[in-house]
Amino acid sequence: MKIVPVVRKAKLKDIDEDWENLQYWLSRPVKERAAAVTKLISFSLKPDQQMDKTFVVKRKLH
């Protein structure tokens, strides 16, 4: 396997990284997005701490 660097040249004022990140995550399946959020939350938890799910709202899709 060979690692190839990716270079993108653009003016700083033309780069909207937030928009690009949003577009990327909206293009991913819901299951993958949920897994990524869960993983990010788990990084902030202490070893024996569990995720607080009291703020999670479950809704049925129409």
Protein backbone atom coordinates (compact mmCIF):
# COMPACT_ATOMS: atom_id res chain seq x y z
CA MET A 1 0.00 0.00 0.00
CA LYS A 2 1.33 3.43 -0.91
CA ILE A 3 0.27 6.66 0.79
CA VAL A 4 -0.24 9.49 -1.67
CA PRO A 5 -0.45 13.07 -0.35
CA VAL A 6 -3.46 15.07 -1.46
CA VAL A 7 -2.83 18.74 -2.16
CA ARG A 8 -5.48 21.31 -2.85
CA LYS A 9 -4.39 24.83 -3.69
CA ALA A 10 -6.86 27.64 -3.14
CA LYS A 11 -6.99 31.12 -1.70
CA LEU A 12 -7.86 31.16 1.99
CA LYS A 13 -10.81 33.46 1.42
CA ASP A 14 -12.28 30.95 -1.07
CA ILE A 15 -12.16 27.95 1.26
CA ASP A 16 -15.34 27.19 3.20
CA GLU A 17 -14.34 24.10 5.14
CA ASP A 18 -17.47 24.11 7.30
CA TRP A 19 -19.69 23.88 4.20
CA GLU A 20 -17.55 21.11 2.73
CA ASN A 21 -17.66 19.16 5.99
CA LEU A 22 -21.44 19.54 6.15
CA GLN A 23 -21.82 18.33 2.57
CA TYR A 24 -19.61 15.33 3.26
CA TRP A 25 -21.52 14.23 6.36
CA LEU A 26 -24.89 14.76 4.70
CA SER A 27 -23.74 12.45 1.91
CA ARG A 28 -22.98 9.64 4.39
CA PRO A 29 -25.67 7.17 5.54
CA VAL A 30 -27.48 7.93 8.81
CA LYS A 31 -26.04 4.82 10.44
CA GLU A 32 -22.48 5.97 9.70
CA ARG A 33 -23.19 9.50 11.01
CA ALA A 34 -24.66 8.11 14.25
CA ALA A 35 -21.64 5.84 14.71
CA ALA A 36 -19.28 8.80 14.24
CA VAL A 37 -21.16 10.91 16.81
CA THR A 38 -21.16 8.05 19.31
CA LYS A 39 -17.42 7.56 18.81
CA LEU A 40 -16.72 11.27 19.32
CA ILE A 41 -18.79 11.31 22.51
CA SER A 42 -16.99 8.21 23.81
CA PHE A 43 -13.66 10.04 23.49
CA SER A 44 -14.82 12.60 26.05
CA LEU A 45 -16.01 10.00 28.59
CA LYS A 46 -13.95 8.67 31.47
CA PRO A 47 -13.11 4.93 31.39
CA ASP A 48 -16.04 3.75 33.57
CA GLN A 49 -18.46 6.50 32.56
CA GLN A 50 -21.45 5.83 30.31
CA MET A 51 -23.08 8.17 27.84
CA ASP A 52 -25.92 10.20 29.35
CA LYS A 53 -28.92 9.36 27.18
CA THR A 54 -31.44 11.54 29.00
CA PHE A 55 -31.15 14.21 26.30
CA VAL A 56 -31.77 11.82 23.42
CA VAL A 57 -35.17 12.28 21.80
CA LYS A 58 -36.55 9.30 19.94
CA ARG A 59 -38.96 10.12 17.13
CA LYS A 60 -40.72 7.85 14.69
CA LEU A 61 -40.21 8.62 11.02
CA HIS A 62 -43.35 9.22 9.00
